Amino acid sequence: MAVHSPFPSVAIPIQDIVSFFFGLAQARLDKINGEDYPLLIDGSTGKSYNFVDIKQMSTAIAHGLKHRVFINEQSKHQSPDVDIDGGAMMFSPADIGMSAIHYGTLMAGGTFAPIDTNLDAQSLSNRLECLNASAAFVTAELLPTLLSACNLAGVSINESRIFITQGDIPGYTSLAGFIDEHKNLCVEPLIFLMSEQELARKVALISYSSGTTGNFKGIMLTHCNIVTAYVLLYHPLISGLRLVQLSEFNPASYLAAIDKFEVDRLYVTLWIIQGLVDGSSRFEDGTLTISSDPERKFITESVRTIVCAGTSILPTRLKKFMTYFSRATVFNGYGATETSFIVASCKWKEPAPSTPLSLYPDTFATVVDEDGNETNGYGELCILGPRVMVG
């Protein structure tokens, strides 16, 4: 049976990602009389960036990429459905500088592709064969893996367009040096004016699925997909909320960041829930501790909202997890990499696994059998809407 969203249609701005985010961020800044404050915070080091920092770094990266001929005839891929004009891969742990690399790549007219840093050279080469990257952002530690993968894939990335995000290697440009080189040469962000049809074709992000149901897939998300997704979701540049980010998950650093920065909203997956449930416990006073350091206590009562999505979670685990954050309301969501994040959700105060989800505005879903016919039984879930990938 076909299901439509119960919510009214939402007007989506006809804008590219950079002008959409930066325009709303500047409007927010103007509203508070220009008093900028940290938006992206490294939960481990405390380092932070405000909007002006992000804008300046992004603009410097964009001008630098254009100066080094990031987009050329070899880097372009065009078909009847999609346009990819130069790919920049990030083979580096996620940190607060990742946003500037993403926005800078888009401003230069390219496509951003973050890659799992746990991949070995062979697995990475499989992705490189189809990505056709013309620039790479990589740590000094991971550079040998990248170069081996390039050899295996028969791919060549010019050394002038390989940027070292952490560490320093002779002959290669550090990201910090690259930004410093160009930050005083440019003032305003590069904005490409695109029509509605171009925004729906221009790939902004290639995100690789885990291959849960088969081989890995490179999911192509356009400017239109991502702007549509974030119209209904919180984002630091739009809302002014601080985003505390960790490069990797472990119970101690996760709980310490919640405690230190008084985090009130969590975005969690099955792996985070499992990691906390298996590696920590709760005292009667509401504080938490971890099994590896039982004398250390963490205060988590600041958490008011938990957004949970991804792989299905056992109700028993989720119930225990929710006792750790007893003041929080849980939004349980469903979505896939192919749908630009969550497309349906419901709200809980208590665990209620059978609660039906509501589709987000302008979304349509149905289940089809192996012959492609709609069915009320088991089958393949099909989703239609402006968040769904191209291709």
Protein backbone atom coordinates (compact mmCIF):
# COMPACT_ATOMS: atom_id res chain seq x y z
CA MET A 1 0.00 0.00 0.00
CA ALA A 2 1.32 3.41 -0.95
CA VAL A 3 1.89 5.88 1.91
CA HIS A 4 2.15 9.65 1.56
CA SER A 5 3.49 12.15 4.07
CA PRO A 6 0.74 13.51 6.36
CA PHE A 7 2.43 16.91 6.42
CA PRO A 8 1.87 19.81 4.02
CA SER A 9 4.38 20.46 1.26
CA VAL A 10 7.40 22.60 2.13
CA ALA A 11 8.88 25.25 -0.15
CA ILE A 12 12.50 24.41 -0.95
CA PRO A 13 14.91 27.28 -1.77
CA ILE A 14 16.39 27.10 -5.27
CA GLN A 15 19.96 27.55 -4.03
CA ASP A 16 23.27 25.76 -4.01
CA ILE A 17 24.50 24.43 -0.64
CA VAL A 18 27.04 27.18 0.04
CA SER A 19 24.77 30.15 -0.65
CA PHE A 20 21.96 28.43 1.32
CA PHE A 21 24.02 27.76 4.46
CA PHE A 22 26.17 30.89 4.34
CA GLY A 23 23.20 33.14 3.58
CA LEU A 24 21.21 31.89 6.57
CA ALA A 25 24.30 31.95 8.79
CA GLN A 26 25.02 35.57 7.87
CA ALA A 27 21.37 36.50 8.48
CA ARG A 28 21.56 34.87 11.91
CA LEU A 29 24.79 36.76 12.64
CA ASP A 30 23.28 40.08 11.56
CA LYS A 31 20.28 39.44 13.81
CA ILE A 32 22.50 39.18 16.89
CA ASN A 33 24.43 42.34 15.94
CA GLY A 34 27.44 40.50 14.57
CA GLU A 35 28.40 38.81 17.85
CA ASP A 36 29.87 35.59 16.46
CA TYR A 37 30.61 32.62 18.71
CA PRO A 38 31.96 29.05 18.29
CA LEU A 39 29.76 26.79 16.14
CA LEU A 40 32.07 23.80 15.62
CA ILE A 41 33.95 22.49 18.66
CA ASP A 42 36.47 19.66 18.89
CA GLY A 43 35.21 17.65 21.85
CA SER A 44 38.71 16.35 22.67
CA THR A 45 40.89 19.47 22.34
CA GLY A 46 38.36 22.27 22.81
CA LYS A 47 39.50 23.94 19.56
CA SER A 48 36.64 25.76 17.85
CA TYR A 49 35.58 27.68 14.73
CA ASN A 50 32.91 30.35 14.40
CA PHE A 51 31.06 31.21 11.20
CA VAL A 52 33.62 33.79 10.08
CA ASP A 53 36.40 31.21 10.54
CA ILE A 54 34.51 28.61 8.48
CA LYS A 55 33.72 31.12 5.74
CA GLN A 56 37.32 32.34 5.49
CA MET A 57 38.79 28.83 5.46
CA SER A 58 36.27 27.61 2.88
CA THR A 59 36.91 30.57 0.61
CA ALA A 60 40.69 30.15 0.84
CA ILE A 61 40.41 26.42 -0.01
CA ALA A 62 38.13 27.22 -2.98
CA HIS A 63 40.49 29.82 -4.44
CA GLY A 64 43.47 27.54 -3.85
CA LEU A 65 41.82 24.60 -5.61
CA LYS A 66 40.92 26.76 -8.59
CA HIS A 67 44.51 28.11 -8.70
CA ARG A 68 45.81 24.53 -8.89
CA VAL A 69 43.46 23.66 -11.77
CA PHE A 70 41.31 21.38 -9.64
CA ILE A 71 38.69 21.04 -12.38
CA ASN A 72 39.97 19.94 -15.78
CA GLU A 73 38.66 17.92 -18.70
CA GLN A 74 39.93 14.65 -17.18
CA SER A 75 38.12 15.29 -13.89
CA LYS A 76 34.68 15.86 -15.42
CA HIS A 77 31.96 13.24 -15.57
CA GLN A 78 28.67 14.11 -17.20
CA SER A 79 25.70 11.95 -18.13
CA PRO A 80 22.03 12.58 -18.90
CA ASP A 81 21.26 12.49 -15.15
CA VAL A 82 24.27 13.89 -13.28
CA ASP A 83 27.16 16.37 -13.47
CA ILE A 84 30.41 15.76 -11.55
CA ASP A 85 33.07 18.39 -12.24
CA GLY A 86 36.11 17.34 -10.23
CA GLY A 87 36.13 15.16 -7.12
CA ALA A 88 37.93 15.99 -3.86
CA MET A 89 38.28 12.98 -1.57
CA MET A 90 38.87 13.24 2.17
CA PHE A 91 40.81 10.29 3.55
CA SER A 92 41.23 11.73 7.01
CA PRO A 93 39.40 11.35 10.34
CA ALA A 94 36.35 13.61 10.61
CA ASP A 95 37.18 16.81 12.47
CA ILE A 96 35.88 20.36 12.72
CA GLY A 97 37.85 21.37 9.63
CA MET A 98 35.90 18.95 7.44
CA SER A 99 33.10 21.48 6.81
CA ALA A 100 35.54 24.02 5.38
CA ILE A 101 36.97 21.39 3.00
CA HIS A 102 33.45 20.44 1.91
CA TYR A 103 32.28 24.02 1.33
CA GLY A 104 35.58 24.97 -0.30
CA THR A 105 35.31 22.06 -2.74
CA LEU A 106 31.76 23.09 -3.67
CA MET A 107 32.78 26.72 -4.11
CA ALA A 108 35.50 25.55 -6.51
CA GLY A 109 32.75 23.82 -8.50
CA GLY A 110 33.63 20.29 -7.41
CA THR A 111 32.19 17.26 -5.61
CA PHE A 112 33.19 16.21 -2.09
CA ALA A 113 33.74 12.55 -1.18
CA PRO A 114 34.62 11.52 2.40
CA ILE A 115 36.21 8.05 2.61
CA ASP A 116 36.26 5.62 5.56
CA THR A 117 39.75 5.82 7.08
CA ASN A 118 39.61 2.17 8.17
CA LEU A 119 39.87 0.95 4.57
CA ASP A 120 42.99 -0.87 3.40
CA ALA A 121 44.67 -0.04 0.08
CA GLN A 122 42.73 -2.65 -1.90
CA SER A 123 39.33 -1.52 -0.62
CA LEU A 124 40.26 2.11 -1.15
CA SER A 125 41.39 1.39 -4.72
CA ASN A 126 37.92 0.04 -5.52
CA ARG A 127 36.42 3.40 -4.62
CA LEU A 128 39.11 5.36 -6.44
CA GLU A 129 38.39 3.49 -9.68
CA CYS A 130 34.90 4.97 -9.85
CA LEU A 131 35.50 8.29 -8.06
CA ASN A 132 38.06 9.80 -10.46
CA ALA A 133 39.33 12.18 -7.77
CA SER A 134 41.46 15.13 -8.84
CA ALA A 135 42.36 16.26 -5.29
CA ALA A 136 42.83 14.52 -1.95
CA PHE A 137 42.90 15.60 1.68
CA VAL A 138 44.75 12.99 3.73
CA THR A 139 46.74 12.61 6.96
CA ALA A 140 50.48 11.98 6.86
CA GLU A 141 49.85 8.59 8.45
CA LEU A 142 47.34 7.54 5.77
CA LEU A 143 49.23 8.91 2.76
CA PRO A 144 51.07 5.61 2.05
CA THR A 145 47.72 3.79 1.94
CA LEU A 146 46.35 6.39 -0.48
CA LEU A 147 49.38 6.15 -2.78
CA SER A 148 49.24 2.34 -2.77
CA ALA A 149 45.53 2.47 -3.59
CA CYS A 150 46.20 4.88 -6.48
CA ASN A 151 48.75 2.44 -7.91
CA LEU A 152 46.33 -0.48 -7.60
CA ALA A 153 43.52 1.50 -9.25
CA GLY A 154 45.69 3.00 -11.97
CA VAL A 155 44.71 6.47 -10.76
CA SER A 156 47.03 9.46 -10.60
CA ILE A 157 46.40 12.48 -8.37
CA ASN A 158 48.82 15.34 -8.95
CA GLU A 159 51.05 15.90 -5.88
CA SER A 160 50.19 19.61 -5.95
CA ARG A 161 46.58 18.64 -5.20
CA ILE A 162 47.31 16.27 -2.30
CA PHE A 163 46.91 18.17 0.97
CA ILE A 164 48.12 16.86 4.34
CA THR A 165 45.46 17.50 7.01
CA GLN A 166 47.50 16.23 9.96
CA GLY A 167 51.29 16.06 10.09
CA ASP A 168 53.87 17.28 7.59
CA ILE A 169 55.57 15.52 4.67
CA PRO A 170 58.27 17.12 2.47
CA GLY A 171 57.07 17.65 -1.09
CA TYR A 172 53.40 17.89 -0.11
CA THR A 173 51.30 20.89 0.93
CA SER A 174 49.88 20.98 4.44
CA LEU A 175 46.22 22.02 4.68
CA ALA A 176 47.12 24.75 7.19
CA GLY A 177 49.79 26.14 4.85
CA PHE A 178 47.41 25.92 1.88
CA ILE A 179 44.78 27.96 3.72
CA ASP A 180 47.36 30.53 4.93
CA GLU A 181 48.66 30.90 1.38
CA HIS A 182 45.27 31.93 0.02
CA LYS A 183 43.28 33.42 2.92
CA ASN A 184 44.54 36.98 2.38
CA LEU A 185 44.05 36.82 -1.38
CA CYS A 186 40.27 36.44 -1.29
CA VAL A 187 37.44 38.07 0.58
CA GLU A 188 34.09 36.88 -0.70
CA PRO A 189 33.05 33.23 -1.21
CA LEU A 190 32.81 31.92 -4.75
CA ILE A 191 29.14 31.34 -5.56
CA PHE A 192 28.05 29.59 -8.75
CA LEU A 193 24.62 30.60 -10.01
CA MET A 194 22.74 27.48 -11.08
CA SER A 195 19.25 26.90 -12.41
CA GLU A 196 16.79 24.58 -10.67
CA GLN A 197 17.59 21.88 -13.24
CA GLU A 198 21.35 22.28 -12.69
CA LEU A 199 20.95 22.08 -8.90
CA ALA A 200 19.06 18.81 -9.33
CA ARG A 201 21.89 17.37 -11.51
CA LYS A 202 25.03 18.79 -9.91
CA VAL A 203 26.50 16.23 -7.49
CA ALA A 204 27.70 17.90 -4.28
CA LEU A 205 28.50 14.84 -2.17
CA ILE A 206 29.42 11.23 -2.85
CA SER A 207 28.83 9.20 0.29
CA TYR A 208 29.77 5.54 0.30
CA SER A 209 27.26 3.13 1.81
CA SER A 210 28.52 0.37 4.08
CA GLY A 211 27.28 -2.35 1.73
CA THR A 212 24.86 -3.77 4.29
CA THR A 213 22.73 -5.37 1.57
CA GLY A 214 25.53 -6.11 -0.89
CA ASN A 215 28.60 -4.39 -2.30
CA PHE A 216 29.47 -0.82 -1.32
CA LYS A 217 27.83 1.91 -3.40
CA GLY A 218 28.80 5.50 -4.07
CA ILE A 219 25.65 7.50 -3.31
CA MET A 220 25.43 10.68 -5.39
CA LEU A 221 23.63 13.51 -3.58
CA THR A 222 22.96 16.77 -5.36
CA HIS A 223 22.78 20.34 -4.09
CA CYS A 224 18.99 20.03 -4.28
CA ASN A 225 18.99 16.79 -2.21
CA ILE A 226 21.04 18.26 0.63
CA VAL A 227 19.33 21.66 0.81
CA THR A 228 15.97 19.85 0.91
CA ALA A 229 17.16 17.60 3.75
CA TYR A 230 18.41 20.48 5.90
CA VAL A 231 15.39 22.72 5.48
CA LEU A 232 13.70 20.50 8.10
CA LEU A 233 16.74 19.66 10.22
CA TYR A 234 19.01 21.56 12.57
CA HIS A 235 22.45 22.59 11.34
CA PRO A 236 24.91 24.78 13.29
CA LEU A 237 25.29 27.41 10.54
CA ILE A 238 21.53 27.79 10.29
CA SER A 239 20.34 27.42 13.87
CA GLY A 240 23.34 28.81 15.72
CA LEU A 241 23.56 25.64 17.81
CA ARG A 242 27.08 24.56 18.75
CA LEU A 243 28.18 21.25 17.26
CA VAL A 244 30.60 19.27 19.40
CA GLN A 245 32.47 16.77 17.24
CA LEU A 246 34.73 13.80 18.03
CA SER A 247 37.05 12.19 15.48
CA GLU A 248 36.22 8.73 16.84
CA PHE A 249 33.88 7.18 19.38
CA ASN A 250 34.74 5.73 22.75
CA PRO A 251 32.54 5.88 25.88
CA ALA A 252 34.95 7.99 27.95
CA SER A 253 35.49 10.78 25.40
CA TYR A 254 31.81 10.77 24.40
CA LEU A 255 30.52 11.15 27.96
CA ALA A 256 33.26 13.65 28.84
CA ALA A 257 32.21 15.87 25.91
CA ILE A 258 28.54 15.74 26.98
CA ASP A 259 29.53 16.66 30.54
CA LYS A 260 32.04 19.42 29.65
CA PHE A 261 29.98 21.20 27.00
CA GLU A 262 26.54 20.50 28.52
CA VAL A 263 25.33 18.94 25.29
CA ASP A 264 21.52 18.96 25.01
CA ARG A 265 21.02 17.12 21.69
CA LEU A 266 22.55 13.80 20.61
CA TYR A 267 22.59 12.15 17.17
CA VAL A 268 23.23 8.45 17.75
CA THR A 269 23.48 5.19 15.82
CA LEU A 270 23.37 1.56 16.87
CA TRP A 271 27.13 1.50 17.42
CA ILE A 272 27.07 4.43 19.84
CA ILE A 273 24.19 2.92 21.78
CA GLN A 274 25.91 -0.46 21.96
CA GLY A 275 29.20 1.13 22.99
CA LEU A 276 27.63 3.05 25.88
CA VAL A 277 25.37 0.23 27.06
CA ASP A 278 28.22 -2.30 27.02
CA GLY A 279 30.93 -0.02 28.37
CA SER A 280 29.23 2.09 31.05
CA SER A 281 26.78 2.00 33.94
CA ARG A 282 24.52 4.40 35.83
CA PHE A 283 24.62 5.34 39.52
CA GLU A 284 21.50 6.05 41.55
CA ASP A 285 22.33 9.78 41.53
CA GLY A 286 22.02 9.76 37.73
CA THR A 287 25.73 10.07 36.95
CA LEU A 288 27.43 7.61 34.60
CA THR A 289 30.73 5.80 34.79
CA ILE A 290 32.70 3.62 32.41
CA SER A 291 33.95 0.10 33.08
CA SER A 292 37.56 1.01 32.30
CA ASP A 293 37.60 3.84 34.90
CA PRO A 294 34.80 3.19 37.45
CA GLU A 295 35.90 6.01 39.77
CA ARG A 296 35.28 8.66 37.13
CA LYS A 297 31.76 10.10 36.99
CA PHE A 298 30.01 11.92 34.14
CA ILE A 299 26.96 14.21 34.37
CA THR A 300 24.59 13.87 31.39
CA GLU A 301 21.39 15.51 32.62
CA SER A 302 21.81 18.36 30.11
CA VAL A 303 20.63 16.04 27.29
CA ARG A 304 17.05 16.85 26.27
CA THR A 305 16.76 15.38 22.75
CA ILE A 306 18.13 12.20 21.18
CA VAL A 307 17.83 11.59 17.45
CA CYS A 308 18.32 7.90 16.74
CA ALA A 309 18.60 6.44 13.23
CA GLY A 310 20.36 3.79 11.19
CA THR A 311 20.31 0.05 11.78
CA SER A 312 17.44 -1.32 13.90
CA ILE A 313 18.12 -1.47 17.65
CA LEU A 314 17.01 -4.11 20.16
CA PRO A 315 14.33 -2.58 22.45
CA THR A 316 16.16 -3.85 25.57
CA ARG A 317 19.33 -2.00 24.61
CA LEU A 318 17.47 1.16 23.71
CA LYS A 319 15.53 1.08 26.99
CA LYS A 320 18.75 0.85 29.01
CA PHE A 321 20.32 3.59 26.90
CA MET A 322 17.36 5.87 27.57
CA THR A 323 17.76 5.44 31.33
CA TYR A 324 21.15 7.11 30.97
CA PHE A 325 19.40 10.23 29.64
CA SER A 326 16.13 10.15 31.58
CA ARG A 327 15.18 13.76 30.78
CA ALA A 328 15.45 13.31 27.03
CA THR A 329 12.82 12.80 24.36
CA VAL A 330 13.83 10.33 21.63
CA PHE A 331 13.14 10.86 17.94
CA ASN A 332 13.43 7.47 16.32
CA GLY A 333 14.04 7.86 12.62
CA TYR A 334 14.44 5.86 9.45
CA GLY A 335 16.53 6.81 6.48
CA ALA A 336 19.25 5.55 4.19
CA THR A 337 22.38 7.04 2.67
CA GLU A 338 20.40 7.21 -0.57
CA THR A 339 17.77 9.49 1.03
CA SER A 340 20.08 12.24 2.34
CA PHE A 341 19.43 11.36 5.99
CA ILE A 342 16.15 10.66 7.80
CA VAL A 343 12.88 10.53 5.80
CA ALA A 344 10.52 9.36 8.56
CA SER A 345 10.44 9.56 12.35
CA CYS A 346 8.36 9.37 15.52
CA LYS A 347 8.77 10.84 19.01
CA TRP A 348 9.07 8.82 22.24
CA LYS A 349 9.16 9.64 25.91
CA GLU A 350 9.27 5.92 26.69
CA PRO A 351 10.55 3.12 24.41
CA ALA A 352 7.73 2.18 22.03
CA PRO A 353 9.15 -0.01 19.23
CA SER A 354 5.78 -0.52 17.52
CA THR A 355 5.08 3.21 17.13
CA PRO A 356 4.54 4.01 13.42
CA LEU A 357 6.80 6.55 11.76
CA SER A 358 5.52 9.59 9.85
CA LEU A 359 7.06 10.39 6.48
CA TYR A 360 8.62 13.82 6.15
CA PRO A 361 6.95 16.37 3.83
CA ASP A 362 6.87 15.65 0.10
CA THR A 363 7.86 12.00 0.62
CA PHE A 364 6.08 8.95 -0.78
CA ALA A 365 6.78 5.28 0.09
CA THR A 366 5.53 1.87 -0.94
CA VAL A 367 6.58 -1.78 -0.76
CA VAL A 368 6.96 -3.86 -3.92
CA ASP A 369 7.39 -7.59 -4.42
CA GLU A 370 10.07 -9.29 -6.53
CA ASP A 371 8.03 -8.61 -9.66
CA GLY A 372 7.83 -4.89 -8.96
CA ASN A 373 4.17 -4.90 -7.91
CA GLU A 374 2.88 -3.10 -4.81
CA THR A 375 2.23 -5.44 -1.91
CA ASN A 376 0.99 -5.34 1.68
CA GLY A 377 3.39 -8.16 2.57
CA TYR A 378 7.16 -8.39 2.69
CA GLY A 379 9.13 -6.82 -0.12
CA GLU A 380 11.44 -4.01 -1.11
CA LEU A 381 10.81 -0.54 0.34
CA CYS A 382 10.71 2.14 -2.35
CA ILE A 383 10.90 5.85 -1.52
CA LEU A 384 10.19 8.81 -3.76
CA GLY A 385 10.88 12.45 -2.93
CA PRO A 386 13.29 15.38 -3.30
CA ARG A 387 15.80 13.85 -0.84
CA VAL A 388 16.37 10.70 -2.91
CA MET A 389 19.73 10.45 -4.71
CA VAL A 390 20.16 10.85 -8.45
CA GLY A 391 21.29 8.08 -10.78
